[in-house]
C-alpha atoms as a PDB file:
ATOM      1  CA  MET A   1      32.316   4.663  36.335  1.00  0.00           C
ATOM      2  CA  ARG A   2      32.129   7.586  33.311  1.00  0.00           C
ATOM      3  CA  GLN A   3      29.562   7.635  31.711  1.00  0.00           C
ATOM      4  CA  ILE A   4      29.681   7.407  27.292  1.00  0.00           C
ATOM      5  CA  LYS A   5      27.743  10.357  25.911  1.00  0.00           C
ATOM      6  CA  LEU A   6      26.193   9.504  23.082  1.00  0.00           C
ATOM      7  CA  PRO A   7      25.716  12.736  20.852  1.00  0.00           C
ATOM      8  CA  HIS A   8      22.097  13.783  19.306  1.00  0.00           C
ATOM      9  CA  LEU A   9      21.913  12.110  16.459  1.00  0.00           C
ATOM     10  CA  PRO A  10      20.611  14.791  13.774  1.00  0.00           C
ATOM     11  CA  SER A  11      17.248  14.275  12.408  1.00  0.00           C
ATOM     12  CA  ASP A  12      17.551  14.151   8.859  1.00  0.00           C
ATOM     13  CA  VAL A  13      20.450  11.464   9.924  1.00  0.00           C
ATOM     14  CA  GLU A  14      20.044   7.835   9.716  1.00  0.00           C
ATOM     15  CA  ALA A  15      24.042   7.052  11.280  1.00  0.00           C
ATOM     16  CA  ARG A  16      24.428   2.365  11.581  1.00  0.00           C
ATOM     17  CA  GLN A  17      24.715   1.920  15.069  1.00  0.00           C
ATOM     18  CA  SER A  18      27.583   0.252  14.553  1.00  0.00           C
ATOM     19  CA  ASP A  19      29.675   3.312  12.502  1.00  0.00           C
ATOM     20  CA  LEU A  20      27.789   5.456  15.299  1.00  0.00           C
ATOM     21  CA  LEU A  21      28.853   3.482  18.469  1.00  0.00           C
ATOM     22  CA  THR A  22      33.090   3.173  16.713  1.00  0.00           C
ATOM     23  CA  ASP A  23      33.121   7.907  16.024  1.00  0.00           C
ATOM     24  CA  LEU A  24      32.303   6.989  20.615  1.00  0.00           C
ATOM     25  CA  TRP A  25      34.486   4.855  21.748  1.00  0.00           C
ATOM     26  CA  TYR A  26      37.758   6.504  19.637  1.00  0.00           C
ATOM     27  CA  LYS A  27      36.707   9.482  21.292  1.00  0.00           C
ATOM     28  CA  ASN A  28      35.817   8.773  24.087  1.00  0.00           C
ATOM     29  CA  GLY A  29      38.366   6.071  24.758  1.00  0.00           C
ATOM     30  CA  LYS A  30      36.991   1.746  26.364  1.00  0.00           C
ATOM     31  CA  THR A  31      33.616   1.711  26.789  1.00  0.00           C
ATOM     32  CA  THR A  32      31.760   0.036  29.137  1.00  0.00           C
ATOM     33  CA  ASN A  33      29.761  -2.602  27.795  1.00  0.00           C
ATOM     34  CA  ILE A  34      28.547  -2.879  24.138  1.00  0.00           C
ATOM     35  CA  LYS A  35      25.841  -3.499  24.898  1.00  0.00           C
ATOM     36  CA  GLN A  36      24.486  -1.476  26.630  1.00  0.00           C
ATOM     37  CA  ASP A  37      25.182   1.418  24.486  1.00  0.00           C
ATOM     38  CA  ILE A  38      24.176  -0.065  21.816  1.00  0.00           C
ATOM     39  CA  LYS A  39      21.135   0.226  22.760  1.00  0.00           C
ATOM     40  CA  LYS A  40      21.375   4.133  23.549  1.00  0.00           C
ATOM     41  CA  VAL A  41      21.227   5.035  20.496  1.00  0.00           C
ATOM     42  CA  LYS A  42      18.138   5.740  19.024  1.00  0.00           C
ATOM     43  CA  ILE A  43      16.773   5.696  15.152  1.00  0.00           C
ATOM     44  CA  ARG A  44      14.234   8.300  15.087  1.00  0.00           C
ATOM     45  CA  MET A  45      10.227   7.121  14.214  1.00  0.00           C
ATOM     46  CA  LYS A  46       9.150   7.896  11.599  1.00  0.00           C
ATOM     47  CA  ASN A  47       5.360   7.019  11.019  1.00  0.00           C
ATOM     48  CA  ILE A  48       3.386   7.988   7.440  1.00  0.00           C
ATOM     49  CA  VAL A  49       0.672   8.909   6.938  1.00  0.00           C
ATOM     50  CA  ILE A  50       0.227   7.616   2.618  1.00  0.00           C
ATOM     51  CA  PHE A  51      -2.627   9.185   0.832  1.00  0.00           C
ATOM     52  CA  GLY A  52      -2.923   8.229  -3.053  1.00  0.00           C
ATOM     53  CA  ALA A  53      -6.486   8.021  -4.998  1.00  0.00           C
ATOM     54  CA  PRO A  54      -8.008   4.826  -7.085  1.00  0.00           C
ATOM     55  CA  GLY A  55      -4.238   3.699  -8.981  1.00  0.00           C
ATOM     56  CA  SER A  56      -2.108   6.102  -7.718  1.00  0.00           C
ATOM     57  CA  GLY A  57       1.319   3.079  -7.014  1.00  0.00           C
ATOM     58  CA  LYS A  58      -0.054   3.961  -3.937  1.00  0.00           C
ATOM     59  CA  GLY A  59       0.258   0.008  -2.375  1.00  0.00           C
ATOM     60  CA  THR A  60       3.531  -0.142  -4.661  1.00  0.00           C
ATOM     61  CA  GLN A  61       5.079   2.364  -3.477  1.00  0.00           C
ATOM     62  CA  SER A  62       4.435   1.152   0.321  1.00  0.00           C
ATOM     63  CA  ASP A  63       5.864  -1.681  -0.532  1.00  0.00           C
ATOM     64  CA  LEU A  64       9.114  -0.390  -1.375  1.00  0.00           C
ATOM     65  CA  MET A  65       8.807   1.325   1.885  1.00  0.00           C
ATOM     66  CA  ILE A  66       8.325  -1.274   3.440  1.00  0.00           C
ATOM     67  CA  GLU A  67      11.077  -2.809   2.557  1.00  0.00           C
ATOM     68  CA  HIS A  68      13.474  -0.174   1.871  1.00  0.00           C
ATOM     69  CA  TYR A  69      12.536   1.126   5.686  1.00  0.00           C
ATOM     70  CA  GLY A  70      11.653  -2.198   7.826  1.00  0.00           C
ATOM     71  CA  LEU A  71       8.609   0.032   8.466  1.00  0.00           C
ATOM     72  CA  GLY A  72       5.457  -1.302  10.127  1.00  0.00           C
ATOM     73  CA  HIS A  73       1.625  -1.597   7.455  1.00  0.00           C
ATOM     74  CA  ILE A  74      -0.880  -0.487   9.300  1.00  0.00           C
ATOM     75  CA  SER A  75      -4.468  -0.568   6.956  1.00  0.00           C
ATOM     76  CA  THR A  76      -7.240   0.080   8.148  1.00  0.00           C
ATOM     77  CA  GLY A  77      -9.432  -2.586   5.767  1.00  0.00           C
ATOM     78  CA  ASP A  78      -6.429  -5.613   6.650  1.00  0.00           C
ATOM     79  CA  VAL A  79      -6.345  -4.588  10.039  1.00  0.00           C
ATOM     80  CA  LEU A  80      -9.968  -4.353  10.380  1.00  0.00           C
ATOM     81  CA  ARG A  81     -10.812  -8.105   8.568  1.00  0.00           C
ATOM     82  CA  ASN A  82      -8.055  -9.597  10.738  1.00  0.00           C
ATOM     83  CA  GLU A  83     -10.695  -8.202  14.161  1.00  0.00           C
ATOM     84  CA  ILE A  84     -13.237  -9.501  12.320  1.00  0.00           C
ATOM     85  CA  LYS A  85     -11.684 -13.073  11.493  1.00  0.00           C
ATOM     86  CA  LYS A  86     -10.557 -13.774  14.831  1.00  0.00           C
ATOM     87  CA  GLY A  87     -13.706 -12.551  16.889  1.00  0.00           C
ATOM     88  CA  THR A  88     -12.187 -10.561  18.949  1.00  0.00           C
ATOM     89  CA  GLU A  89     -14.426  -7.688  20.568  1.00  0.00           C
ATOM     90  CA  LEU A  90     -13.487  -5.573  19.149  1.00  0.00           C
ATOM     91  CA  GLY A  91     -14.223  -6.933  15.791  1.00  0.00           C
ATOM     92  CA  LYS A  92     -17.147  -7.710  17.188  1.00  0.00           C
ATOM     93  CA  THR A  93     -18.432  -5.144  17.586  1.00  0.00           C
ATOM     94  CA  ALA A  94     -17.081  -2.952  14.665  1.00  0.00           C
ATOM     95  CA  GLN A  95     -18.812  -6.370  12.367  1.00  0.00           C
ATOM     96  CA  SER A  96     -22.172  -5.129  14.337  1.00  0.00           C
ATOM     97  CA  TYR A  97     -21.792  -1.443  12.814  1.00  0.00           C
ATOM     98  CA  ILE A  98     -21.580  -3.151   9.373  1.00  0.00           C
ATOM     99  CA  ASP A  99     -24.707  -6.372   9.866  1.00  0.00           C
ATOM    100  CA  LYS A 100     -25.928  -2.405  10.319  1.00  0.00           C
ATOM    101  CA  GLY A 101     -25.169  -1.202   7.199  1.00  0.00           C
ATOM    102  CA  ASN A 102     -23.703   2.053   9.799  1.00  0.00           C
ATOM    103  CA  LEU A 103     -20.049   3.235   9.797  1.00  0.00           C
ATOM    104  CA  ILE A 104     -17.300   2.645  12.317  1.00  0.00           C
ATOM    105  CA  PRO A 105     -16.733   5.150  15.155  1.00  0.00           C
ATOM    106  CA  ASP A 106     -13.774   6.550  14.932  1.00  0.00           C
ATOM    107  CA  ASP A 107     -13.672   6.331  18.755  1.00  0.00           C
ATOM    108  CA  LEU A 108     -13.840   2.713  17.711  1.00  0.00           C
ATOM    109  CA  MET A 109     -11.974   2.329  15.257  1.00  0.00           C
ATOM    110  CA  ILE A 110      -8.722   4.555  16.608  1.00  0.00           C
ATOM    111  CA  SER A 111      -8.965   1.479  19.205  1.00  0.00           C
ATOM    112  CA  ILE A 112      -8.262  -1.152  16.642  1.00  0.00           C
ATOM    113  CA  LEU A 113      -5.332   0.654  15.366  1.00  0.00           C
ATOM    114  CA  ALA A 114      -3.996   1.456  18.500  1.00  0.00           C
ATOM    115  CA  LYS A 115      -3.497  -1.674  19.621  1.00  0.00           C
ATOM    116  CA  VAL A 116      -2.041  -2.625  16.256  1.00  0.00           C
ATOM    117  CA  TYR A 117       0.124  -0.471  16.351  1.00  0.00           C
ATOM    118  CA  ASP A 118       1.709  -1.341  19.942  1.00  0.00           C
ATOM    119  CA  SER A 119       1.514  -4.709  18.663  1.00  0.00           C
ATOM    120  CA  TYR A 120       4.407  -2.626  16.106  1.00  0.00           C
ATOM    121  CA  GLY A 121       5.984  -2.501  20.180  1.00  0.00           C
ATOM    122  CA  ARG A 122       8.333   0.263  21.383  1.00  0.00           C
ATOM    123  CA  GLY A 123      11.241   1.234  20.506  1.00  0.00           C
ATOM    124  CA  HIS A 124       9.777   0.372  16.394  1.00  0.00           C
ATOM    125  CA  LYS A 125      11.279   1.805  13.141  1.00  0.00           C
ATOM    126  CA  GLY A 126       7.082   3.693  12.877  1.00  0.00           C
ATOM    127  CA  VAL A 127       4.087   2.351   9.967  1.00  0.00           C
ATOM    128  CA  ILE A 128       2.172   3.599   7.072  1.00  0.00           C
ATOM    129  CA  PHE A 129      -0.918   4.368   7.825  1.00  0.00           C
ATOM    130  CA  ASP A 130      -2.958   3.126   4.960  1.00  0.00           C
ATOM    131  CA  GLY A 131      -6.456   3.582   4.861  1.00  0.00           C
ATOM    132  CA  PHE A 132      -6.616   5.989   7.625  1.00  0.00           C
ATOM    133  CA  PRO A 133      -7.775   8.517   8.613  1.00  0.00           C
ATOM    134  CA  ARG A 134     -11.050   9.838   6.246  1.00  0.00           C
ATOM    135  CA  THR A 135     -11.674  12.634   8.321  1.00  0.00           C
ATOM    136  CA  ILE A 136     -10.409  15.422   9.481  1.00  0.00           C
ATOM    137  CA  PRO A 137     -11.717  14.724  13.090  1.00  0.00           C
ATOM    138  CA  GLN A 138     -10.494  10.663  12.585  1.00  0.00           C
ATOM    139  CA  ALA A 139      -7.308  12.694  11.519  1.00  0.00           C
ATOM    140  CA  GLU A 140      -7.390  14.863  14.685  1.00  0.00           C
ATOM    141  CA  ALA A 141      -8.102  10.750  16.865  1.00  0.00           C
ATOM    142  CA  LEU A 142      -4.241  10.082  15.428  1.00  0.00           C
ATOM    143  CA  LYS A 143      -2.520  13.024  16.390  1.00  0.00           C
ATOM    144  CA  LYS A 144      -4.316  12.220  20.218  1.00  0.00           C
ATOM    145  CA  MET A 145      -3.651   8.430  20.270  1.00  0.00           C
ATOM    146  CA  LEU A 146       0.336   8.906  18.818  1.00  0.00           C
ATOM    147  CA  ASP A 147       0.916  12.000  21.544  1.00  0.00           C
ATOM    148  CA  GLU A 148       0.224   9.749  24.460  1.00  0.00           C
ATOM    149  CA  ARG A 149       2.879   7.038  23.173  1.00  0.00           C
ATOM    150  CA  GLY A 150       5.120   9.744  23.147  1.00  0.00           C
ATOM    151  CA  ASP A 151       5.118   9.342  18.907  1.00  0.00           C
ATOM    152  CA  LYS A 152       3.792  11.503  16.170  1.00  0.00           C
ATOM    153  CA  VAL A 153       3.449  11.128  12.875  1.00  0.00           C
ATOM    154  CA  ALA A 154       6.655  12.565  10.380  1.00  0.00           C
ATOM    155  CA  ALA A 155       4.758  12.392   7.325  1.00  0.00           C
ATOM    156  CA  MET A 156       2.092  13.226   4.944  1.00  0.00           C
ATOM    157  CA  ILE A 157       2.573  11.636   1.844  1.00  0.00           C
ATOM    158  CA  GLU A 158       0.338  12.477  -1.048  1.00  0.00           C
ATOM    159  CA  LEU A 159       0.891  10.425  -4.418  1.00  0.00           C
ATOM    160  CA  ASP A 160      -0.034  12.721  -6.941  1.00  0.00           C
ATOM    161  CA  VAL A 161      -1.468  11.220 -10.566  1.00  0.00           C
ATOM    162  CA  PRO A 162      -3.283  14.049 -12.573  1.00  0.00           C
ATOM    163  CA  GLU A 163      -6.350  12.160 -13.022  1.00  0.00           C
ATOM    164  CA  ASP A 164      -6.527  11.038 -17.522  1.00  0.00           C
ATOM    165  CA  GLU A 165      -3.496   8.533 -16.125  1.00  0.00           C
ATOM    166  CA  LEU A 166      -5.601   7.769 -13.359  1.00  0.00           C
ATOM    167  CA  MET A 167      -8.208   6.112 -15.809  1.00  0.00           C
ATOM    168  CA  GLN A 168      -6.059   5.191 -18.339  1.00  0.00           C
ATOM    169  CA  ARG A 169      -4.597   2.847 -15.398  1.00  0.00           C
ATOM    170  CA  LEU A 170      -7.842   2.085 -13.208  1.00  0.00           C
ATOM    171  CA  ILE A 171      -9.389   0.781 -16.840  1.00  0.00           C
ATOM    172  CA  LYS A 172      -6.041  -1.061 -18.222  1.00  0.00           C
ATOM    173  CA  ARG A 173      -6.546  -3.024 -14.401  1.00  0.00           C
ATOM    174  CA  GLY A 174     -10.526  -3.983 -15.026  1.00  0.00           C
ATOM    175  CA  GLN A 175      -9.152  -5.756 -18.537  1.00  0.00           C
ATOM    176  CA  ASP A 176      -6.868  -7.636 -16.863  1.00  0.00           C
ATOM    177  CA  SER A 177      -8.422  -8.864 -13.736  1.00  0.00           C
ATOM    178  CA  GLY A 178     -12.197  -8.443 -15.356  1.00  0.00           C
ATOM    179  CA  ARG A 179     -13.279  -6.309 -11.598  1.00  0.00           C
ATOM    180  CA  ALA A 180     -16.437  -5.335 -12.770  1.00  0.00           C
ATOM    181  CA  ASP A 181     -15.946  -2.385 -10.572  1.00  0.00           C
ATOM    182  CA  ASP A 182     -13.408  -1.170 -12.739  1.00  0.00           C
ATOM    183  CA  ASN A 183     -15.074   0.502 -15.479  1.00  0.00           C
ATOM    184  CA  GLU A 184     -14.925   4.165 -16.111  1.00  0.00           C
ATOM    185  CA  GLU A 185     -19.187   5.663 -14.875  1.00  0.00           C
ATOM    186  CA  THR A 186     -17.927   3.609 -11.431  1.00  0.00           C
ATOM    187  CA  ILE A 187     -14.208   4.991 -11.219  1.00  0.00           C
ATOM    188  CA  LYS A 188     -14.901   8.322 -11.705  1.00  0.00           C
ATOM    189  CA  LYS A 189     -16.732   8.334  -8.480  1.00  0.00           C
ATOM    190  CA  ARG A 190     -14.514   6.519  -6.868  1.00  0.00           C
ATOM    191  CA  LEU A 191     -12.828   9.297  -8.110  1.00  0.00           C
ATOM    192  CA  VAL A 192     -15.077  11.716  -6.771  1.00  0.00           C
ATOM    193  CA  VAL A 193     -15.374  10.750  -3.527  1.00  0.00           C
ATOM    194  CA  TYR A 194     -11.779  10.164  -3.099  1.00  0.00           C
ATOM    195  CA  HIS A 195     -11.257  14.282  -3.624  1.00  0.00           C
ATOM    196  CA  SER A 196     -14.089  14.556  -2.002  1.00  0.00           C
ATOM    197  CA  GLN A 197     -13.086  12.465   1.165  1.00  0.00           C
ATOM    198  CA  THR A 198      -9.250  13.776   0.843  1.00  0.00           C
ATOM    199  CA  GLN A 199      -9.407  17.523  -0.246  1.00  0.00           C
ATOM    200  CA  PRO A 200     -10.195  19.021   3.986  1.00  0.00           C
ATOM    201  CA  LEU A 201      -7.275  16.199   5.020  1.00  0.00           C
ATOM    202  CA  ILE A 202      -4.317  17.634   2.777  1.00  0.00           C
ATOM    203  CA  GLU A 203      -5.593  21.165   3.825  1.00  0.00           C
ATOM    204  CA  TRP A 204      -5.635  19.995   7.559  1.00  0.00           C
ATOM    205  CA  TYR A 205      -1.761  18.388   7.293  1.00  0.00           C
ATOM    206  CA  LYS A 206      -0.078  21.471   5.814  1.00  0.00           C
ATOM    207  CA  LYS A 207      -1.264  23.795   7.960  1.00  0.00           C
ATOM    208  CA  GLU A 208       0.708  20.712  10.474  1.00  0.00           C
ATOM    209  CA  GLY A 209       3.358  20.663   8.564  1.00  0.00           C
ATOM    210  CA  LEU A 210       3.505  18.011   7.646  1.00  0.00           C
ATOM    211  CA  HIS A 211       1.846  17.247   3.801  1.00  0.00           C
ATOM    212  CA  TYR A 212       4.197  16.268   1.260  1.00  0.00           C
ATOM    213  CA  HIS A 213       2.965  16.087  -2.864  1.00  0.00           C
ATOM    214  CA  ILE A 214       4.786  13.789  -4.258  1.00  0.00           C
ATOM    215  CA  ASN A 215       4.644  13.916  -8.434  1.00  0.00           C
ATOM    216  CA  GLY A 216       3.225  10.162  -9.025  1.00  0.00           C
ATOM    217  CA  HIS A 217       2.887   9.916 -13.131  1.00  0.00           C
ATOM    218  CA  GLY A 218       6.787   8.612 -14.167  1.00  0.00           C
ATOM    219  CA  THR A 219       8.545   5.149 -12.817  1.00  0.00           C
ATOM    220  CA  LEU A 220       8.583   3.360 -10.156  1.00  0.00           C
ATOM    221  CA  GLU A 221      12.007   4.635  -9.397  1.00  0.00           C
ATOM    222  CA  ARG A 222      11.266   8.490  -9.796  1.00  0.00           C
ATOM    223  CA  ILE A 223       8.681   8.429  -7.824  1.00  0.00           C
ATOM    224  CA  PHE A 224      10.540   6.517  -5.233  1.00  0.00           C
ATOM    225  CA  GLY A 225      13.331   7.807  -5.412  1.00  0.00           C
ATOM    226  CA  ASP A 226      11.147  11.460  -4.599  1.00  0.00           C
ATOM    227  CA  ILE A 227      10.078   9.829  -1.260  1.00  0.00           C
ATOM    228  CA  GLN A 228      13.209   8.626  -0.102  1.00  0.00           C
ATOM    229  CA  GLN A 229      14.190  11.771   0.041  1.00  0.00           C
ATOM    230  CA  VAL A 230      11.063  13.269   2.500  1.00  0.00           C
ATOM    231  CA  ILE A 231      11.529  10.100   4.333  1.00  0.00           C
ATOM    232  CA  ASP A 232      15.196  10.154   4.432  1.00  0.00           C
ATOM    233  CA  HIS A 233      15.157  14.407   5.716  1.00  0.00           C
ATOM    234  CA  LEU A 234      12.062  14.133   8.310  1.00  0.00           C
END
């Protein structure tokens, strides 16, 4: 029985399966099995690393990406808390480091992230990595973990907001929520730590050809529109 050969999907096109299959049926005649043909249509996976200082709107934009593109979300803080809460072996090991006031080793963190990543199953649309990597060795370890699965980071998106705007947003958030850690002195320290951590990583991702700068000052709609321009053309 003649096999229907599917055309290669251009990397900048996220084609709908039904439209693609309709085109195939007209070009190639009768299809053999609709379900089999649908399984052959591969939509490119888009794993995204997102960077943004406290107050940059990273959480809001991540939520919009998740809703619009159907991406998964892997937040290191949430993942760690979940593993510890469930009492898994990885969670117990992580807790032992936390109890001693030590940083969690990169290999342990990667093992935890790999477990969550694999839980999405094969053929997922991609995930947003939020809060990881924080160092170049972690970025290299993430690259290796994904490469072992035949996957990769498609883009590192940096939400860049002027520091005076970040200060205003965070001070207002502290006033609205009563959060003691959102005072001016503490905010400045957090921003210094963020920039010292991320600048080397930004340079690393630039060398990888994966860095995309987004102006994070403006309306939610305009900022998300800029992010869409990046993701839609990966």
